[in-house]
Amino acid sequence: MNFVILCYTLLFYGLTFAQSDDNATEPKPCYPDICKLLEDFGALTEKVNSVETRLQDSENQILELQHKERTKIIFSALLGGGYVGPFSTDRTLVYSRVITNLGNAYSPGTGVFTAPVAGVYYFTFFCHAGGNHPQRVNLYKNSLAIVMASDHSSKYDSADNAGNAVFLQLQQGDRVYLRMDAGSHLWGGESQTTFSGFLVTQM
C-alpha cells in the first residue's frame, strides 16, 4: 500500500513539474523517469491482478475439497430373520437390521442403496446358508448384474458361506442392491449375512 501511495505521489509531482516548465517548446505527457515509473507501475498492477486471480482459484479449489471431505456415505446392514427362501422367482434382498447408515443413502425398507453424489463406491456382501440348498446372490447396479456370490448344494456340508466385493463408479441417483436367484436360500440369523458400502471418493 505504501508503495502505491509513493507511486501516485511521484506521478502527481512529476506531472505538475512538467506542466510548469516554461522552456518546453511543446507539451510533454511526462518526463522520461515518470514515464518509466508509470510503465513499471502498470506492469506491477497486472502482476497483482494475476496473483489475486490465482489466489481466488486456489480458494475455490480448497472450498470444493472441503465440501467433498465433509460428504460421508457409509452403511452396513444385516439381513435378519431366519431362513430366507427358496422362492420360485428372483427376489431383492432387504437387509432390514441397520448397523450404520451415515448419509441415509441405504433404505432398510427396500434394501436399495441410492447414490446421493457421483463418485466411486466400495460394496461388500457376505452370505451364509445351509449346505442342502444352493445359494446364488447377485449385486446389481440399476438393472445390470455386476458381481455374484454362490455355492452349490451338497449333502456333505452342513453350511456354506460366500461373498464378494466391488468398486463401482456411480452417478447421483444410481441404485445398488442384492438379488437372490430363484431356488436359492440364505440364513439371515446370527449376523452372518451382511451388505455394506461406502463412498471412496467424490467425482
N, C-alpha and C. Protein backbone atom coordinates (compact mmCIF):
# COMPACT_ATOMS: atom_id res chain seq x y z
N MET A 1 0.83 -1.20 0.00
CA MET A 1 0.00 0.00 0.00
C MET A 1 0.87 1.25 0.00
N ASN A 2 1.95 1.30 0.82
CA ASN A 2 2.85 2.45 0.86
C ASN A 2 3.52 2.68 -0.48
N PHE A 3 3.85 1.56 -1.17
CA PHE A 3 4.49 1.68 -2.48
C PHE A 3 3.55 2.33 -3.49
N VAL A 4 2.28 1.94 -3.45
CA VAL A 4 1.30 2.52 -4.37
C VAL A 4 1.12 4.00 -4.11
N ILE A 5 1.06 4.39 -2.82
CA ILE A 5 0.92 5.81 -2.48
C ILE A 5 2.13 6.60 -2.98
N LEU A 6 3.31 6.00 -2.81
CA LEU A 6 4.53 6.66 -3.27
C LEU A 6 4.49 6.87 -4.78
N CYS A 7 4.02 5.85 -5.50
CA CYS A 7 3.95 5.95 -6.96
C CYS A 7 3.02 7.07 -7.38
N TYR A 8 1.85 7.14 -6.76
CA TYR A 8 0.91 8.20 -7.10
C TYR A 8 1.46 9.58 -6.74
N THR A 9 2.18 9.68 -5.63
CA THR A 9 2.77 10.96 -5.21
C THR A 9 3.80 11.44 -6.23
N LEU A 10 4.69 10.50 -6.63
CA LEU A 10 5.70 10.85 -7.62
C LEU A 10 5.06 11.23 -8.95
N LEU A 11 4.00 10.50 -9.31
CA LEU A 11 3.30 10.81 -10.55
C LEU A 11 2.70 12.21 -10.51
N PHE A 12 2.09 12.57 -9.38
CA PHE A 12 1.45 13.89 -9.24
C PHE A 12 2.47 15.01 -9.37
N TYR A 13 3.58 14.89 -8.62
CA TYR A 13 4.59 15.94 -8.67
C TYR A 13 5.29 15.98 -10.02
N GLY A 14 5.45 14.81 -10.63
CA GLY A 14 6.10 14.80 -11.94
C GLY A 14 5.26 15.50 -12.98
N LEU A 15 3.96 15.23 -12.98
CA LEU A 15 3.08 15.88 -13.95
C LEU A 15 2.98 17.38 -13.69
N THR A 16 2.94 17.76 -12.40
CA THR A 16 2.87 19.19 -12.05
C THR A 16 4.12 19.92 -12.52
N PHE A 17 5.27 19.28 -12.29
CA PHE A 17 6.53 19.89 -12.69
C PHE A 17 6.62 20.00 -14.20
N ALA A 18 6.12 18.99 -14.90
CA ALA A 18 6.17 19.01 -16.36
C ALA A 18 5.31 20.12 -16.92
N GLN A 19 4.15 20.36 -16.33
CA GLN A 19 3.25 21.38 -16.82
C GLN A 19 3.78 22.80 -16.56
N SER A 20 4.63 22.96 -15.53
CA SER A 20 5.14 24.29 -15.17
C SER A 20 6.45 24.63 -15.87
N ASP A 21 6.92 23.77 -16.77
CA ASP A 21 8.18 24.01 -17.47
C ASP A 21 7.93 24.99 -18.62
N ASP A 22 8.35 26.29 -18.42
CA ASP A 22 8.09 27.31 -19.42
C ASP A 22 9.02 27.20 -20.62
N ASN A 23 10.17 26.49 -20.48
CA ASN A 23 11.13 26.39 -21.55
C ASN A 23 10.76 25.34 -22.59
N ALA A 24 9.76 24.55 -22.30
CA ALA A 24 9.38 23.49 -23.23
C ALA A 24 8.72 24.09 -24.44
N THR A 25 9.11 23.65 -25.62
CA THR A 25 8.54 24.16 -26.86
C THR A 25 7.20 23.53 -27.17
N GLU A 26 6.93 22.34 -26.63
CA GLU A 26 5.64 21.69 -26.84
C GLU A 26 5.30 20.87 -25.60
N PRO A 27 4.03 20.68 -25.31
CA PRO A 27 3.67 19.94 -24.09
C PRO A 27 4.10 18.49 -24.18
N LYS A 28 4.61 17.97 -23.07
CA LYS A 28 5.01 16.57 -22.98
C LYS A 28 4.14 15.88 -21.94
N PRO A 29 3.79 14.63 -22.19
CA PRO A 29 2.94 13.92 -21.21
C PRO A 29 3.64 13.70 -19.89
N CYS A 30 4.93 13.49 -19.91
CA CYS A 30 5.68 13.29 -18.68
C CYS A 30 7.16 13.23 -19.00
N TYR A 31 7.97 13.36 -17.97
CA TYR A 31 9.40 13.21 -18.14
C TYR A 31 9.75 11.74 -18.31
N PRO A 32 10.90 11.42 -18.90
CA PRO A 32 11.26 10.01 -19.12
C PRO A 32 11.22 9.17 -17.85
N ASP A 33 11.71 9.72 -16.74
CA ASP A 33 11.69 8.95 -15.49
C ASP A 33 10.27 8.65 -15.04
N ILE A 34 9.39 9.66 -15.21
CA ILE A 34 8.00 9.46 -14.82
C ILE A 34 7.33 8.44 -15.73
N CYS A 35 7.63 8.52 -17.03
CA CYS A 35 7.06 7.55 -17.97
C CYS A 35 7.50 6.13 -17.62
N LYS A 36 8.78 5.99 -17.28
CA LYS A 36 9.28 4.67 -16.89
C LYS A 36 8.59 4.19 -15.62
N LEU A 37 8.38 5.12 -14.70
CA LEU A 37 7.70 4.76 -13.45
C LEU A 37 6.27 4.31 -13.73
N LEU A 38 5.59 5.03 -14.63
CA LEU A 38 4.22 4.64 -14.99
C LEU A 38 4.19 3.26 -15.65
N GLU A 39 5.17 3.02 -16.50
CA GLU A 39 5.23 1.72 -17.18
C GLU A 39 5.45 0.59 -16.18
N ASP A 40 6.38 0.82 -15.24
CA ASP A 40 6.64 -0.20 -14.21
C ASP A 40 5.42 -0.40 -13.32
N PHE A 41 4.75 0.71 -13.02
CA PHE A 41 3.57 0.62 -12.16
C PHE A 41 2.45 -0.18 -12.85
N GLY A 42 2.29 0.04 -14.17
CA GLY A 42 1.28 -0.71 -14.91
C GLY A 42 1.58 -2.20 -14.93
N ALA A 43 2.88 -2.54 -15.12
CA ALA A 43 3.27 -3.96 -15.13
C ALA A 43 3.03 -4.58 -13.76
N LEU A 44 3.34 -3.81 -12.70
CA LEU A 44 3.13 -4.31 -11.34
C LEU A 44 1.65 -4.55 -11.07
N THR A 45 0.81 -3.64 -11.57
CA THR A 45 -0.64 -3.80 -11.38
C THR A 45 -1.14 -5.07 -12.05
N GLU A 46 -0.64 -5.36 -13.26
CA GLU A 46 -1.03 -6.59 -13.94
C GLU A 46 -0.62 -7.83 -13.16
N LYS A 47 0.59 -7.79 -12.59
CA LYS A 47 1.05 -8.93 -11.79
C LYS A 47 0.19 -9.12 -10.55
N VAL A 48 -0.16 -8.01 -9.90
CA VAL A 48 -1.01 -8.11 -8.70
C VAL A 48 -2.37 -8.70 -9.06
N ASN A 49 -2.95 -8.25 -10.17
CA ASN A 49 -4.25 -8.79 -10.60
C ASN A 49 -4.15 -10.27 -10.91
N SER A 50 -3.03 -10.68 -11.53
CA SER A 50 -2.84 -12.10 -11.84
C SER A 50 -2.73 -12.94 -10.58
N VAL A 51 -1.99 -12.42 -9.60
CA VAL A 51 -1.85 -13.14 -8.33
C VAL A 51 -3.20 -13.25 -7.62
N GLU A 52 -3.98 -12.17 -7.63
CA GLU A 52 -5.30 -12.20 -6.99
C GLU A 52 -6.20 -13.24 -7.65
N THR A 53 -6.13 -13.35 -8.98
CA THR A 53 -6.94 -14.34 -9.69
C THR A 53 -6.54 -15.75 -9.29
N ARG A 54 -5.22 -16.00 -9.22
CA ARG A 54 -4.75 -17.33 -8.83
C ARG A 54 -5.14 -17.66 -7.39
N LEU A 55 -5.07 -16.67 -6.52
CA LEU A 55 -5.46 -16.88 -5.13
C LEU A 55 -6.95 -17.22 -5.03
N GLN A 56 -7.78 -16.55 -5.83
CA GLN A 56 -9.21 -16.83 -5.81
C GLN A 56 -9.49 -18.24 -6.32
N ASP A 57 -8.77 -18.64 -7.38
CA ASP A 57 -8.94 -20.00 -7.90
C ASP A 57 -8.53 -21.03 -6.86
N SER A 58 -7.43 -20.78 -6.16
CA SER A 58 -6.96 -21.71 -5.12
C SER A 58 -7.97 -21.80 -3.98
N GLU A 59 -8.54 -20.66 -3.61
CA GLU A 59 -9.53 -20.65 -2.54
C GLU A 59 -10.77 -21.46 -2.93
N ASN A 60 -11.20 -21.31 -4.19
CA ASN A 60 -12.36 -22.08 -4.66
C ASN A 60 -12.08 -23.57 -4.65
N GLN A 61 -10.86 -23.96 -5.04
CA GLN A 61 -10.49 -25.37 -5.03
C GLN A 61 -10.46 -25.93 -3.61
N ILE A 62 -9.95 -25.14 -2.68
CA ILE A 62 -9.91 -25.58 -1.27
C ILE A 62 -11.33 -25.76 -0.73
N LEU A 63 -12.22 -24.83 -1.04
CA LEU A 63 -13.61 -24.94 -0.58
C LEU A 63 -14.28 -26.18 -1.17
N GLU A 64 -13.99 -26.48 -2.44
CA GLU A 64 -14.57 -27.66 -3.07
C GLU A 64 -14.06 -28.94 -2.41
N LEU A 65 -12.76 -28.99 -2.12
CA LEU A 65 -12.19 -30.15 -1.45
C LEU A 65 -12.75 -30.32 -0.05
N GLN A 66 -12.95 -29.21 0.66
CA GLN A 66 -13.53 -29.28 2.00
C GLN A 66 -14.95 -29.82 1.95
N HIS A 67 -15.71 -29.41 0.93
CA HIS A 67 -17.08 -29.90 0.78
C HIS A 67 -17.08 -31.41 0.52
N LYS A 68 -16.16 -31.86 -0.35
CA LYS A 68 -16.09 -33.29 -0.64
C LYS A 68 -15.68 -34.07 0.61
N GLU A 69 -14.78 -33.51 1.40
CA GLU A 69 -14.31 -34.20 2.60
C GLU A 69 -15.44 -34.35 3.60
N ARG A 70 -16.37 -33.39 3.63
CA ARG A 70 -17.47 -33.46 4.59
C ARG A 70 -18.54 -34.46 4.17
N THR A 71 -18.54 -34.91 2.91
CA THR A 71 -19.55 -35.83 2.43
C THR A 71 -19.20 -37.25 2.88
N LYS A 72 -19.93 -37.77 3.86
CA LYS A 72 -19.68 -39.09 4.41
C LYS A 72 -20.87 -40.00 4.08
N ILE A 73 -20.60 -41.04 3.30
CA ILE A 73 -21.64 -42.01 2.94
C ILE A 73 -21.11 -43.39 3.32
N ILE A 74 -21.67 -43.98 4.38
CA ILE A 74 -21.24 -45.29 4.87
C ILE A 74 -22.47 -46.04 5.38
N PHE A 75 -22.59 -47.30 4.98
CA PHE A 75 -23.71 -48.07 5.52
C PHE A 75 -23.29 -49.53 5.70
N SER A 76 -23.97 -50.19 6.61
CA SER A 76 -23.79 -51.63 6.83
C SER A 76 -25.07 -52.15 7.45
N ALA A 77 -25.57 -53.29 6.92
CA ALA A 77 -26.85 -53.81 7.39
C ALA A 77 -26.83 -55.33 7.40
N LEU A 78 -27.65 -55.90 8.28
CA LEU A 78 -27.82 -57.35 8.40
C LEU A 78 -29.13 -57.76 7.74
N LEU A 79 -29.14 -58.99 7.21
CA LEU A 79 -30.36 -59.48 6.58
C LEU A 79 -31.46 -59.70 7.62
N GLY A 80 -31.11 -60.30 8.74
CA GLY A 80 -32.08 -60.52 9.80
C GLY A 80 -33.01 -61.70 9.52
N GLY A 81 -33.71 -62.13 10.57
CA GLY A 81 -34.64 -63.25 10.43
C GLY A 81 -33.93 -64.58 10.45
N GLY A 82 -34.62 -65.61 9.99
CA GLY A 82 -34.04 -66.95 9.93
C GLY A 82 -33.78 -67.34 8.49
N TYR A 83 -34.41 -68.44 8.06
CA TYR A 83 -34.24 -68.87 6.67
C TYR A 83 -34.97 -67.92 5.72
N VAL A 84 -34.31 -67.61 4.62
CA VAL A 84 -34.89 -66.78 3.56
C VAL A 84 -34.86 -67.60 2.28
N GLY A 85 -36.04 -67.93 1.73
CA GLY A 85 -36.11 -68.76 0.54
C GLY A 85 -36.14 -70.24 0.91
N PRO A 86 -36.14 -71.09 -0.12
CA PRO A 86 -36.10 -70.73 -1.55
C PRO A 86 -37.44 -70.22 -2.07
N PHE A 87 -37.37 -69.37 -3.11
CA PHE A 87 -38.55 -68.82 -3.76
C PHE A 87 -38.59 -69.29 -5.21
N SER A 88 -39.76 -69.18 -5.81
CA SER A 88 -39.92 -69.61 -7.20
C SER A 88 -39.44 -68.55 -8.20
N THR A 89 -39.21 -67.33 -7.72
CA THR A 89 -38.72 -66.25 -8.58
C THR A 89 -37.56 -65.54 -7.89
N ASP A 90 -36.80 -64.76 -8.66
CA ASP A 90 -35.72 -63.96 -8.07
C ASP A 90 -36.31 -62.95 -7.10
N ARG A 91 -35.56 -62.67 -6.02
CA ARG A 91 -36.04 -61.73 -5.01
C ARG A 91 -34.95 -60.71 -4.65
N THR A 92 -35.37 -59.44 -4.51
CA THR A 92 -34.47 -58.43 -3.96
C THR A 92 -34.38 -58.64 -2.46
N LEU A 93 -33.16 -58.72 -1.95
CA LEU A 93 -32.96 -58.95 -0.52
C LEU A 93 -33.05 -57.63 0.24
N VAL A 94 -33.81 -57.66 1.32
CA VAL A 94 -33.99 -56.46 2.14
C VAL A 94 -33.23 -56.67 3.46
N TYR A 95 -32.12 -55.98 3.59
CA TYR A 95 -31.32 -56.05 4.82
C TYR A 95 -31.89 -55.02 5.79
N SER A 96 -32.75 -55.49 6.67
CA SER A 96 -33.58 -54.59 7.47
C SER A 96 -32.93 -54.15 8.78
N ARG A 97 -31.91 -54.86 9.23
CA ARG A 97 -31.27 -54.52 10.51
C ARG A 97 -30.04 -53.65 10.24
N VAL A 98 -30.24 -52.35 10.34
CA VAL A 98 -29.18 -51.39 10.01
C VAL A 98 -28.18 -51.28 11.16
N ILE A 99 -26.91 -51.39 10.83
CA ILE A 99 -25.84 -51.18 11.81
C ILE A 99 -25.35 -49.74 11.73
N THR A 100 -25.06 -49.29 10.53
CA THR A 100 -24.58 -47.93 10.28
C THR A 100 -25.22 -47.42 9.00
N ASN A 101 -25.60 -46.14 9.00
CA ASN A 101 -26.20 -45.58 7.78
C ASN A 101 -25.93 -44.07 7.72
N LEU A 102 -24.64 -43.71 7.69
CA LEU A 102 -24.27 -42.30 7.59
C LEU A 102 -24.64 -41.77 6.21
N GLY A 103 -25.39 -40.71 6.18
CA GLY A 103 -25.85 -40.15 4.92
C GLY A 103 -27.22 -40.64 4.50
N ASN A 104 -27.72 -41.69 5.18
CA ASN A 104 -29.06 -42.24 4.92
C ASN A 104 -29.28 -42.58 3.44
N ALA A 105 -28.25 -43.11 2.80
CA ALA A 105 -28.38 -43.47 1.38
C ALA A 105 -28.94 -44.89 1.21
N TYR A 106 -28.86 -45.70 2.27
CA TYR A 106 -29.40 -47.06 2.20
C TYR A 106 -30.79 -47.09 2.82
N SER A 107 -31.72 -47.77 2.13
CA SER A 107 -33.09 -47.88 2.63
C SER A 107 -33.32 -49.27 3.22
N PRO A 108 -33.52 -49.39 4.54
CA PRO A 108 -33.81 -50.69 5.14
C PRO A 108 -35.21 -51.20 4.80
N GLY A 109 -36.03 -50.36 4.19
CA GLY A 109 -37.36 -50.79 3.79
C GLY A 109 -37.39 -51.47 2.44
N THR A 110 -36.44 -51.11 1.57
CA THR A 110 -36.41 -51.68 0.22
C THR A 110 -35.15 -52.50 -0.06
N GLY A 111 -34.11 -52.31 0.75
CA GLY A 111 -32.84 -52.99 0.51
C GLY A 111 -31.99 -52.33 -0.56
N VAL A 112 -32.37 -51.12 -0.97
CA VAL A 112 -31.70 -50.45 -2.09
C VAL A 112 -30.84 -49.29 -1.57
N PHE A 113 -29.60 -49.23 -2.07
CA PHE A 113 -28.72 -48.09 -1.82
C PHE A 113 -28.83 -47.16 -3.02
N THR A 114 -29.08 -45.87 -2.77
CA THR A 114 -29.18 -44.86 -3.83
C THR A 114 -28.07 -43.84 -3.65
N ALA A 115 -27.22 -43.70 -4.66
CA ALA A 115 -26.06 -42.82 -4.56
C ALA A 115 -26.51 -41.36 -4.45
N PRO A 116 -26.17 -40.67 -3.36
CA PRO A 116 -26.57 -39.27 -3.21
C PRO A 116 -25.67 -38.31 -4.00
N VAL A 117 -24.44 -38.75 -4.29
CA VAL A 117 -23.49 -37.93 -5.06
C VAL A 117 -22.75 -38.83 -6.03
N ALA A 118 -22.25 -38.25 -7.10
CA ALA A 118 -21.43 -39.01 -8.04
C ALA A 118 -20.08 -39.31 -7.42
N GLY A 119 -19.58 -40.52 -7.65
CA GLY A 119 -18.28 -40.88 -7.08
C GLY A 119 -18.00 -42.36 -7.25
N VAL A 120 -16.89 -42.79 -6.66
CA VAL A 120 -16.51 -44.20 -6.64
C VAL A 120 -16.88 -44.77 -5.27
N TYR A 121 -17.61 -45.87 -5.27
CA TYR A 121 -18.08 -46.51 -4.05
C TYR A 121 -17.53 -47.94 -3.96
N TYR A 122 -17.45 -48.42 -2.73
CA TYR A 122 -17.00 -49.80 -2.48
C TYR A 122 -18.12 -50.55 -1.78
N PHE A 123 -18.46 -51.74 -2.31
CA PHE A 123 -19.54 -52.55 -1.75
C PHE A 123 -19.03 -53.96 -1.44
N THR A 124 -19.51 -54.51 -0.33
CA THR A 124 -19.22 -55.89 0.02
C THR A 124 -20.51 -56.56 0.48
N PHE A 125 -20.58 -57.88 0.27
CA PHE A 125 -21.70 -58.64 0.82
C PHE A 125 -21.23 -60.06 1.13
N PHE A 126 -21.78 -60.60 2.21
CA PHE A 126 -21.44 -61.95 2.66
C PHE A 126 -22.73 -62.72 2.91
N CYS A 127 -22.70 -64.01 2.56
CA CYS A 127 -23.89 -64.85 2.66
C CYS A 127 -23.58 -66.13 3.43
N HIS A 128 -24.54 -66.56 4.21
CA HIS A 128 -24.43 -67.83 4.94
C HIS A 128 -25.71 -68.62 4.67
N ALA A 129 -25.54 -69.92 4.43
CA ALA A 129 -26.71 -70.75 4.12
C ALA A 129 -26.42 -72.20 4.49
N GLY A 130 -27.49 -72.96 4.63
CA GLY A 130 -27.34 -74.40 4.84
C GLY A 130 -26.82 -75.07 3.58
N GLY A 131 -26.13 -76.18 3.76
CA GLY A 131 -25.50 -76.83 2.62
C GLY A 131 -26.43 -77.63 1.74
N ASN A 132 -27.67 -77.86 2.18
CA ASN A 132 -28.57 -78.70 1.40
C ASN A 132 -29.33 -77.94 0.32
N HIS A 133 -29.13 -76.61 0.23
CA HIS A 133 -29.74 -75.81 -0.83
C HIS A 133 -28.66 -74.94 -1.48
N PRO A 134 -28.81 -74.64 -2.76
CA PRO A 134 -27.84 -73.74 -3.40
C PRO A 134 -28.07 -72.30 -2.94
N GLN A 135 -27.02 -71.51 -3.02
CA GLN A 135 -27.16 -70.07 -2.79
C GLN A 135 -26.51 -69.32 -3.95
N ARG A 136 -27.19 -68.30 -4.42
CA ARG A 136 -26.69 -67.52 -5.55
C ARG A 136 -27.25 -66.10 -5.41
N VAL A 137 -26.36 -65.16 -5.12
CA VAL A 137 -26.75 -63.77 -4.89
C VAL A 137 -25.96 -62.87 -5.84
N ASN A 138 -26.66 -61.96 -6.51
CA ASN A 138 -26.04 -61.02 -7.45
C ASN A 138 -26.15 -59.59 -6.92
N LEU A 139 -25.08 -58.84 -7.08
CA LEU A 139 -25.12 -57.41 -6.78
C LEU A 139 -25.43 -56.67 -8.07
N TYR A 140 -26.44 -55.81 -8.02
CA TYR A 140 -26.91 -55.07 -9.19
C TYR A 140 -26.57 -53.59 -9.08
N LYS A 141 -26.20 -53.02 -10.22
CA LYS A 141 -26.15 -51.56 -10.39
C LYS A 141 -27.28 -51.21 -11.35
N ASN A 142 -28.29 -50.55 -10.83
CA ASN A 142 -29.52 -50.31 -11.58
C ASN A 142 -30.08 -51.66 -12.05
N SER A 143 -30.15 -51.93 -13.34
CA SER A 143 -30.72 -53.20 -13.81
C SER A 143 -29.65 -54.18 -14.27
N LEU A 144 -28.38 -53.87 -14.02
CA LEU A 144 -27.28 -54.70 -14.51
C LEU A 144 -26.61 -55.46 -13.37
N ALA A 145 -26.54 -56.80 -13.50
CA ALA A 145 -25.83 -57.61 -12.51
C ALA A 145 -24.33 -57.41 -12.69
N ILE A 146 -23.64 -57.09 -11.59
CA ILE A 146 -22.22 -56.76 -11.66
C ILE A 146 -21.35 -57.91 -11.17
N VAL A 147 -21.54 -58.35 -9.93
CA VAL A 147 -20.76 -59.46 -9.37
C VAL A 147 -21.71 -60.42 -8.65
N MET A 148 -21.20 -61.64 -8.39
CA MET A 148 -22.05 -62.69 -7.83
C MET A 148 -21.30 -63.45 -6.74
N ALA A 149 -22.05 -63.98 -5.80
CA ALA A 149 -21.52 -64.92 -4.81
C ALA A 149 -22.43 -66.14 -4.82
N SER A 150 -21.85 -67.34 -4.86
CA SER A 150 -22.69 -68.53 -4.97
C SER A 150 -22.00 -69.75 -4.35
N ASP A 151 -22.81 -70.77 -4.11
CA ASP A 151 -22.31 -72.05 -3.65
C ASP A 151 -23.33 -73.12 -4.02
N HIS A 152 -22.83 -74.28 -4.44
CA HIS A 152 -23.72 -75.37 -4.82
C HIS A 152 -24.19 -76.13 -3.58
N SER A 153 -25.33 -76.76 -3.72
CA SER A 153 -25.82 -77.60 -2.63
C SER A 153 -24.96 -78.85 -2.52
N SER A 154 -24.84 -79.34 -1.31
CA SER A 154 -24.03 -80.54 -1.08
C SER A 154 -24.56 -81.28 0.14
N LYS A 155 -24.63 -82.58 0.02
CA LYS A 155 -25.10 -83.37 1.16
C LYS A 155 -23.99 -83.58 2.19
N TYR A 156 -22.77 -83.16 1.83
CA TYR A 156 -21.65 -83.34 2.75
C TYR A 156 -21.39 -82.10 3.62
N ASP A 157 -21.94 -80.95 3.23
CA ASP A 157 -21.72 -79.71 4.00
C ASP A 157 -22.98 -79.37 4.79
N SER A 158 -22.79 -79.04 6.05
CA SER A 158 -23.94 -78.61 6.84
C SER A 158 -24.22 -77.13 6.65
N ALA A 159 -23.22 -76.35 6.22
CA ALA A 159 -23.40 -74.92 5.99
C ALA A 159 -22.37 -74.43 4.98
N ASP A 160 -22.72 -73.38 4.27
CA ASP A 160 -21.83 -72.79 3.28
C ASP A 160 -21.80 -71.28 3.43
N ASN A 161 -20.68 -70.69 3.02
CA ASN A 161 -20.52 -69.23 3.05
C ASN A 161 -20.02 -68.75 1.69
N ALA A 162 -20.41 -67.54 1.35
CA ALA A 162 -19.96 -66.94 0.09
C ALA A 162 -19.93 -65.42 0.26
N GLY A 163 -19.21 -64.76 -0.61
CA GLY A 163 -19.14 -63.31 -0.53
C GLY A 163 -18.43 -62.74 -1.74
N ASN A 164 -18.51 -61.43 -1.88
CA ASN A 164 -17.83 -60.75 -2.98
C ASN A 164 -17.74 -59.27 -2.65
N ALA A 165 -16.96 -58.54 -3.45
CA ALA A 165 -16.78 -57.10 -3.24
C ALA A 165 -16.47 -56.45 -4.57
N VAL A 166 -16.75 -55.15 -4.67
CA VAL A 166 -16.53 -54.45 -5.94
C VAL A 166 -16.46 -52.95 -5.71
N PHE A 167 -15.62 -52.28 -6.53
CA PHE A 167 -15.64 -50.82 -6.64
C PHE A 167 -16.55 -50.45 -7.80
N LEU A 168 -17.44 -49.48 -7.58
CA LEU A 168 -18.35 -49.03 -8.63
C LEU A 168 -18.31 -47.52 -8.76
N GLN A 169 -18.21 -47.06 -10.00
CA GLN A 169 -18.35 -45.63 -10.26
C GLN A 169 -19.83 -45.35 -10.50
N LEU A 170 -20.41 -44.52 -9.66
CA LEU A 170 -21.84 -44.25 -9.72
C LEU A 170 -22.12 -42.78 -10.00
N GLN A 171 -23.22 -42.54 -10.68
CA GLN A 171 -23.74 -41.20 -10.84
C GLN A 171 -24.81 -40.97 -9.77
N GLN A 172 -25.08 -39.72 -9.48
CA GLN A 172 -26.12 -39.41 -8.50
C GLN A 172 -27.44 -40.05 -8.93
N GLY A 173 -28.06 -40.79 -8.00
CA GLY A 173 -29.32 -41.45 -8.29
C GLY A 173 -29.19 -42.90 -8.72
N ASP A 174 -27.98 -43.38 -9.02
CA ASP A 174 -27.80 -44.80 -9.35
C ASP A 174 -28.17 -45.66 -8.14
N ARG A 175 -28.69 -46.86 -8.41
CA ARG A 175 -29.18 -47.74 -7.35
C ARG A 175 -28.35 -49.02 -7.32
N VAL A 176 -28.02 -49.46 -6.11
CA VAL A 176 -27.26 -50.70 -5.91
C VAL A 176 -28.02 -51.56 -4.91
N TYR A 177 -28.17 -52.86 -5.24
CA TYR A 177 -28.94 -53.75 -4.37
C TYR A 177 -28.54 -55.20 -4.67
N LEU A 178 -29.02 -56.12 -3.85
CA LEU A 178 -28.72 -57.54 -4.00
C LEU A 178 -29.99 -58.32 -4.32
N ARG A 179 -29.86 -59.27 -5.25
CA ARG A 179 -30.99 -60.13 -5.59
C ARG A 179 -30.56 -61.60 -5.47
N MET A 180 -31.45 -62.38 -4.89
CA MET A 180 -31.22 -63.81 -4.74
C MET A 180 -31.96 -64.56 -5.85
N ASP A 181 -31.25 -65.48 -6.50
CA ASP A 181 -31.85 -66.23 -7.60
C ASP A 181 -32.96 -67.15 -7.09
N ALA A 182 -33.89 -67.45 -7.98
CA ALA A 182 -34.94 -68.42 -7.66
C ALA A 182 -34.31 -69.76 -7.31
N GLY A 183 -34.87 -70.42 -6.30
CA GLY A 183 -34.35 -71.72 -5.87
C GLY A 183 -33.23 -71.62 -4.85
N SER A 184 -32.73 -70.40 -4.60
CA SER A 184 -31.67 -70.22 -3.61
C SER A 184 -32.26 -69.98 -2.23
N HIS A 185 -31.42 -70.11 -1.22
CA HIS A 185 -31.85 -69.75 0.12
C HIS A 185 -30.66 -69.22 0.90
N LEU A 186 -30.96 -68.45 1.96
CA LEU A 186 -29.95 -67.86 2.83
C LEU A 186 -30.39 -68.01 4.28
N TRP A 187 -29.41 -67.86 5.16
CA TRP A 187 -29.70 -67.82 6.58
C TRP A 187 -29.44 -66.40 7.06
N GLY A 188 -30.49 -65.76 7.59
CA GLY A 188 -30.38 -64.36 7.99
C GLY A 188 -30.09 -64.15 9.46
N GLY A 189 -30.05 -65.20 10.24
CA GLY A 189 -29.82 -65.05 11.67
C GLY A 189 -28.34 -64.96 12.03
N GLU A 190 -28.08 -64.60 13.27
CA GLU A 190 -26.74 -64.61 13.87
C GLU A 190 -25.74 -63.69 13.16
N SER A 191 -26.23 -62.66 12.52
CA SER A 191 -25.37 -61.58 11.98
C SER A 191 -24.34 -62.08 10.97
N GLN A 192 -24.70 -63.07 10.18
CA GLN A 192 -23.73 -63.65 9.24
C GLN A 192 -23.93 -63.20 7.79
N THR A 193 -25.11 -62.72 7.45
CA THR A 193 -25.40 -62.31 6.08
C THR A 193 -25.54 -60.79 6.06
N THR A 194 -24.58 -60.11 5.41
CA THR A 194 -24.47 -58.66 5.52
C THR A 194 -24.33 -58.00 4.15
N PHE A 195 -24.62 -56.71 4.13
CA PHE A 195 -24.47 -55.86 2.94
C PHE A 195 -23.92 -54.53 3.42
N SER A 196 -22.78 -54.10 2.84
CA SER A 196 -22.12 -52.88 3.30
C SER A 196 -21.56 -52.10 2.11
N GLY A 197 -21.34 -50.81 2.32
CA GLY A 197 -20.73 -50.00 1.28
C GLY A 197 -20.37 -48.62 1.81
N PHE A 198 -19.50 -47.93 1.07
CA PHE A 198 -19.14 -46.57 1.46
C PHE A 198 -18.59 -45.81 0.26
N LEU A 199 -18.65 -44.49 0.36
CA LEU A 199 -18.11 -43.60 -0.67
C LEU A 199 -16.60 -43.51 -0.50
N VAL A 200 -15.87 -43.88 -1.56
CA VAL A 200 -14.40 -43.81 -1.52
C VAL A 200 -13.94 -42.41 -1.88
N THR A 201 -14.43 -41.89 -3.00
CA THR A 201 -14.06 -40.55 -3.42
C THR A 201 -15.16 -39.95 -4.27
N GLN A 202 -15.42 -38.69 -4.07
CA GLN A 202 -16.45 -37.99 -4.83
C GLN A 202 -15.88 -37.51 -6.15
N MET A 203 -16.67 -37.57 -7.21
CA MET A 203 -16.22 -37.18 -8.54
C MET A 203 -16.72 -35.77 -8.88
